Every structure is written in structure tokens, then in C-alpha cells.
N, C-alpha and C. Protein backbone atom coordinates (compact mmCIF):
# COMPACT_ATOMS: atom_id res chain seq x y z
N MET A 1 20.36 86.70 0.25
CA MET A 1 19.01 86.76 0.59
C MET A 1 18.75 85.17 0.97
N PHE A 2 18.16 84.94 1.65
CA PHE A 2 17.64 83.46 1.78
C PHE A 2 16.22 83.26 0.73
N THR A 3 15.92 82.27 0.13
CA THR A 3 15.00 81.89 -0.41
C THR A 3 14.65 80.47 -0.41
N LEU A 4 13.11 80.27 -0.30
CA LEU A 4 12.55 78.91 -0.24
C LEU A 4 13.03 77.96 -1.24
N PRO A 5 13.26 76.88 -0.91
CA PRO A 5 13.56 76.05 -2.07
C PRO A 5 12.25 75.53 -2.84
N SER A 6 12.68 75.24 -4.09
CA SER A 6 11.26 74.85 -4.84
C SER A 6 10.66 73.75 -4.72
N ILE A 7 9.95 73.38 -5.04
CA ILE A 7 9.11 72.01 -4.93
C ILE A 7 10.11 70.67 -5.65
N TRP A 8 10.48 71.13 -6.80
CA TRP A 8 11.20 70.05 -7.52
C TRP A 8 12.67 69.70 -6.72
N ASN A 9 13.18 70.75 -5.69
CA ASN A 9 14.12 70.52 -4.96
C ASN A 9 13.75 69.72 -3.71
N LEU A 10 12.47 70.18 -3.31
CA LEU A 10 12.17 69.04 -1.96
C LEU A 10 11.93 67.64 -2.53
N LEU A 11 11.43 67.74 -3.52
CA LEU A 11 11.03 66.03 -4.09
C LEU A 11 12.16 65.28 -4.50
N ILE A 12 12.86 65.95 -5.27
CA ILE A 12 14.31 65.09 -5.74
C ILE A 12 15.30 64.84 -4.20
N SER A 13 15.41 66.06 -3.44
CA SER A 13 16.21 65.78 -2.51
C SER A 13 15.83 64.47 -1.46
N THR A 14 14.34 64.66 -1.41
CA THR A 14 13.79 63.45 -0.53
C THR A 14 14.26 62.11 -0.90
N VAL A 15 13.83 62.02 -2.13
CA VAL A 15 14.21 60.55 -2.89
C VAL A 15 15.71 60.25 -2.89
N VAL A 16 16.40 61.34 -3.18
CA VAL A 16 17.90 61.16 -3.22
C VAL A 16 18.19 60.68 -1.76
N PHE A 17 17.83 61.34 -0.48
CA PHE A 17 18.28 61.01 0.76
C PHE A 17 17.92 59.80 1.04
N PHE A 18 16.90 58.93 0.79
CA PHE A 18 16.32 57.46 0.95
C PHE A 18 17.32 56.52 0.31
N ILE A 19 17.53 56.70 -0.94
CA ILE A 19 18.76 56.19 -2.16
C ILE A 19 19.89 56.11 -1.14
N ALA A 20 20.41 57.46 -1.01
CA ALA A 20 21.70 57.42 -0.58
C ALA A 20 21.89 56.59 1.00
N THR A 21 20.81 56.66 1.60
CA THR A 21 20.60 55.95 3.20
C THR A 21 20.88 54.32 2.82
N GLY A 22 20.23 53.79 1.78
CA GLY A 22 20.16 52.49 1.40
C GLY A 22 21.52 52.31 0.97
N PHE A 23 22.07 52.67 0.14
CA PHE A 23 23.37 52.63 -0.48
C PHE A 23 24.55 52.68 0.83
N LEU A 24 24.14 53.54 1.57
CA LEU A 24 25.39 53.73 2.53
C LEU A 24 25.49 52.98 3.34
N ARG A 25 24.25 52.19 3.90
CA ARG A 25 23.93 51.33 5.03
C ARG A 25 24.60 49.93 4.19
N ARG A 26 24.28 49.77 3.05
CA ARG A 26 24.80 48.48 2.52
C ARG A 26 26.50 48.42 2.33
N TYR A 27 26.54 49.57 1.93
CA TYR A 27 28.03 49.70 1.81
C TYR A 27 28.88 49.35 3.43
N LEU A 28 28.16 50.13 4.31
CA LEU A 28 28.87 50.09 5.77
C LEU A 28 28.81 48.47 5.76
N ASP A 29 27.74 48.08 5.75
CA ASP A 29 27.72 46.41 5.94
C ASP A 29 28.75 45.68 5.24
N GLU A 30 28.96 45.75 4.37
CA GLU A 30 30.13 45.30 3.28
C GLU A 30 31.57 45.30 3.89
N GLN A 31 31.56 46.58 4.42
CA GLN A 31 32.86 46.93 5.34
C GLN A 31 32.91 46.38 6.53
N GLY A 32 32.18 45.87 7.25
CA GLY A 32 31.97 45.16 8.40
C GLY A 32 31.83 46.23 9.72
N LEU A 33 31.28 47.43 9.37
CA LEU A 33 31.18 48.25 10.64
C LEU A 33 30.10 47.91 11.28
N PRO A 34 30.24 47.61 12.59
CA PRO A 34 29.02 47.37 13.36
C PRO A 34 27.88 48.39 13.21
N LYS A 35 26.59 47.77 13.51
CA LYS A 35 25.56 48.84 13.54
C LYS A 35 25.48 49.53 14.91
N GLY A 36 25.15 50.71 15.21
CA GLY A 36 25.08 51.37 16.33
C GLY A 36 24.72 52.96 16.08
N THR A 37 24.83 53.70 17.15
CA THR A 37 24.58 55.43 17.34
C THR A 37 25.50 55.91 16.26
N THR A 38 27.13 55.46 16.41
CA THR A 38 27.86 56.54 15.39
C THR A 38 27.57 55.98 13.95
N ARG A 39 27.29 54.96 13.82
CA ARG A 39 27.11 54.32 12.49
C ARG A 39 25.77 55.05 11.81
N GLY A 40 24.77 55.33 12.54
CA GLY A 40 23.58 55.78 12.09
C GLY A 40 23.76 57.34 12.10
N ILE A 41 24.59 58.08 12.76
CA ILE A 41 24.76 59.41 12.81
C ILE A 41 25.60 59.67 11.19
N LEU A 42 26.57 58.76 11.43
CA LEU A 42 27.48 58.94 9.98
C LEU A 42 26.56 58.69 8.58
N VAL A 43 25.54 57.61 8.55
CA VAL A 43 24.84 57.51 7.79
C VAL A 43 23.86 58.92 7.27
N PHE A 44 23.13 59.01 8.45
CA PHE A 44 22.19 60.36 8.25
C PHE A 44 22.94 61.74 8.03
N THR A 45 24.16 61.92 8.55
CA THR A 45 25.17 62.82 7.91
C THR A 45 25.24 62.99 6.37
N LEU A 46 25.94 61.82 6.11
CA LEU A 46 26.35 61.72 4.62
C LEU A 46 25.26 61.63 3.64
N ALA A 47 24.01 61.06 4.29
CA ALA A 47 22.77 61.08 3.25
C ALA A 47 22.39 62.45 3.38
N SER A 48 22.28 63.02 4.43
CA SER A 48 21.97 64.57 4.36
C SER A 48 22.98 65.44 3.26
N LEU A 49 24.08 65.35 3.17
CA LEU A 49 24.94 65.93 2.64
C LEU A 49 24.54 65.59 1.05
N VAL A 50 24.49 64.74 0.65
CA VAL A 50 24.13 63.88 -0.79
C VAL A 50 23.05 64.70 -1.27
N SER A 51 21.82 64.58 -0.28
CA SER A 51 20.78 64.98 -0.53
C SER A 51 20.81 66.66 -0.93
N CYS A 52 21.14 67.22 0.16
CA CYS A 52 21.37 68.82 -0.29
C CYS A 52 22.09 68.96 -1.47
N GLY A 53 23.29 68.38 -1.72
CA GLY A 53 23.89 68.53 -3.10
C GLY A 53 22.70 68.52 -4.40
N ALA A 54 22.32 67.09 -4.08
CA ALA A 54 21.04 67.02 -5.28
C ALA A 54 20.21 68.08 -5.41
N GLY A 55 19.34 68.46 -4.25
CA GLY A 55 18.60 69.46 -4.46
C GLY A 55 19.39 70.91 -4.94
N GLU A 56 20.68 71.50 -4.71
CA GLU A 56 21.23 72.55 -5.34
C GLU A 56 21.28 72.21 -6.68
N MET A 57 21.69 71.28 -6.91
CA MET A 57 21.86 70.93 -8.59
C MET A 57 20.47 71.08 -9.27
N VAL A 58 19.32 70.70 -8.77
CA VAL A 58 18.53 70.91 -9.25
C VAL A 58 17.65 72.42 -9.16
N ASP A 59 18.00 73.19 -8.23
CA ASP A 59 17.87 74.53 -8.33
C ASP A 59 18.45 75.23 -9.22
N TRP A 60 19.91 74.85 -9.44
CA TRP A 60 20.92 75.43 -10.21
C TRP A 60 20.44 75.14 -11.79
N GLY A 61 20.03 73.85 -12.29
CA GLY A 61 19.36 73.58 -13.42
C GLY A 61 18.30 74.11 -13.85
N GLN A 62 17.35 74.38 -12.73
CA GLN A 62 16.11 75.00 -12.92
C GLN A 62 16.51 76.87 -13.27
N GLU A 63 17.19 77.29 -12.66
CA GLU A 63 17.61 78.63 -12.71
C GLU A 63 18.37 78.89 -14.35
N LYS A 64 19.07 77.85 -14.53
CA LYS A 64 19.57 77.76 -15.98
C LYS A 64 18.72 77.63 -17.22
N ILE A 65 17.78 76.74 -16.90
CA ILE A 65 16.41 76.90 -17.81
C ILE A 65 15.56 78.26 -17.89
N GLU A 66 15.00 78.85 -16.58
CA GLU A 66 14.45 79.63 -16.43
C GLU A 66 14.80 81.25 -16.36
N GLY A 67 16.07 80.78 -16.16
CA GLY A 67 16.67 82.21 -15.83
C GLY A 67 16.31 82.60 -14.33
N PRO A 68 17.02 83.72 -13.91
CA PRO A 68 16.81 84.08 -12.51
C PRO A 68 15.66 84.43 -12.13
N GLN A 69 15.12 84.45 -10.93
CA GLN A 69 13.58 84.51 -10.51
C GLN A 69 13.96 85.88 -9.99
N PRO A 70 12.86 86.98 -9.83
CA PRO A 70 12.96 88.37 -9.39
C PRO A 70 12.59 88.28 -8.04
N VAL A 71 13.60 88.96 -7.17
CA VAL A 71 13.53 88.84 -5.68
C VAL A 71 12.37 89.90 -5.30
N LYS A 72 11.34 89.30 -4.26
CA LYS A 72 10.43 90.07 -3.72
C LYS A 72 10.71 90.52 -2.36
N GLN A 73 10.68 91.67 -2.27
CA GLN A 73 11.31 92.26 -0.84
C GLN A 73 9.84 92.54 -0.17
N ALA A 74 10.19 92.30 1.09
CA ALA A 74 9.14 92.50 2.14
C ALA A 74 9.31 93.91 2.41
N PRO A 75 8.15 94.61 2.96
CA PRO A 75 8.09 95.55 3.71
C PRO A 75 9.29 95.80 5.02
N ASP A 76 9.93 96.55 5.04
CA ASP A 76 10.66 96.55 6.23
C ASP A 76 10.22 96.98 7.33
N ASP A 77 8.92 97.62 7.56
CA ASP A 77 8.58 98.30 8.35
C ASP A 77 6.96 97.82 8.72
N LEU A 78 6.35 97.69 9.86
CA LEU A 78 5.17 96.82 10.17
C LEU A 78 4.30 98.04 9.77
N SER A 79 4.40 99.37 9.69
CA SER A 79 3.06 100.13 9.48
C SER A 79 3.49 100.31 7.70
N GLN A 80 4.28 100.12 7.24
CA GLN A 80 4.02 100.00 5.68
C GLN A 80 2.97 98.80 5.44
N LEU A 81 3.50 97.72 6.14
CA LEU A 81 2.73 96.45 5.84
C LEU A 81 1.32 96.74 6.02
N LEU A 82 1.07 97.58 6.85
CA LEU A 82 -0.38 97.57 7.33
C LEU A 82 -1.15 98.49 6.71
N LYS A 83 -0.45 99.55 6.09
CA LYS A 83 -0.65 100.48 4.87
C LYS A 83 -1.17 99.76 3.42
N ALA A 84 -0.22 98.77 3.51
CA ALA A 84 -0.40 97.78 1.88
C ALA A 84 -1.76 97.00 2.06
N VAL A 85 -2.07 96.37 3.39
CA VAL A 85 -3.02 95.70 3.46
C VAL A 85 -4.17 96.65 3.31
N GLY A 86 -4.26 97.74 4.23
CA GLY A 86 -5.62 98.70 4.53
C GLY A 86 -5.75 99.00 2.90
N GLN A 87 -4.55 99.34 1.87
CA GLN A 87 -4.96 99.94 0.63
C GLN A 87 -5.62 98.67 -0.04
N MET A 88 -5.59 97.54 0.06
CA MET A 88 -5.81 96.30 -0.62
C MET A 88 -7.23 95.92 -0.23
N GLN A 89 -7.56 96.34 1.00
CA GLN A 89 -8.99 95.77 1.33
C GLN A 89 -10.06 96.91 0.89
N ARG A 90 -9.35 98.50 0.71
CA ARG A 90 -10.30 99.46 0.36
C ARG A 90 -10.47 99.12 -1.17
N GLN A 91 -9.55 98.58 -1.99
CA GLN A 91 -9.96 98.46 -3.20
C GLN A 91 -10.92 97.08 -3.44
N ASN A 92 -11.05 96.22 -2.56
CA ASN A 92 -12.08 95.38 -2.68
C ASN A 92 -13.52 95.82 -2.29
């Protein structure tokens, strides 16, 4: 089931993306690879992969520390959702 990433995942992966971009650009400069579209796409792709990996490690670590989070299931049918909203409004 798809789950949204945690705030820590988003923050760490964003920081790691920019750090990886800087290191990759510097490395490719040292290797003599000319600047261009192909190099830009390569840097973007590799930095994105490193960033996703770092975000997954953050989520893995958080799950090891806190334990698995309970899965919340949304109602399958719109009518069930409308019933639940109607009951909540009557209680208020």
C-alpha cells in the first residue's frame, strides 16, 4: 500500500539531493566531461537516486525506532464516506 513519506524523509532527501548534485558536478568536472544536456540529466538522475535512497534509509530507521505505524484504510465506497461525514456532523 502506498504511504506518504515522513517529514524527516522529505527534509533529509532534499538536503542530500543538493549535496549529491554538488559532488557529482565536481567529480564530472575533474573527469573532463563537457557540460551539456546529457551531463545535466546524468547528474539529476544520479542525485535523485541517492536522494531516494537516503529518504528510504530515514524511513527505515524511523520504523526501527518507533515500530510499524498502523495502516489507516479509507472507505471503499463514496456512500460509506458520506455516512461517516454525516455521523460526525450530527455528533457536533
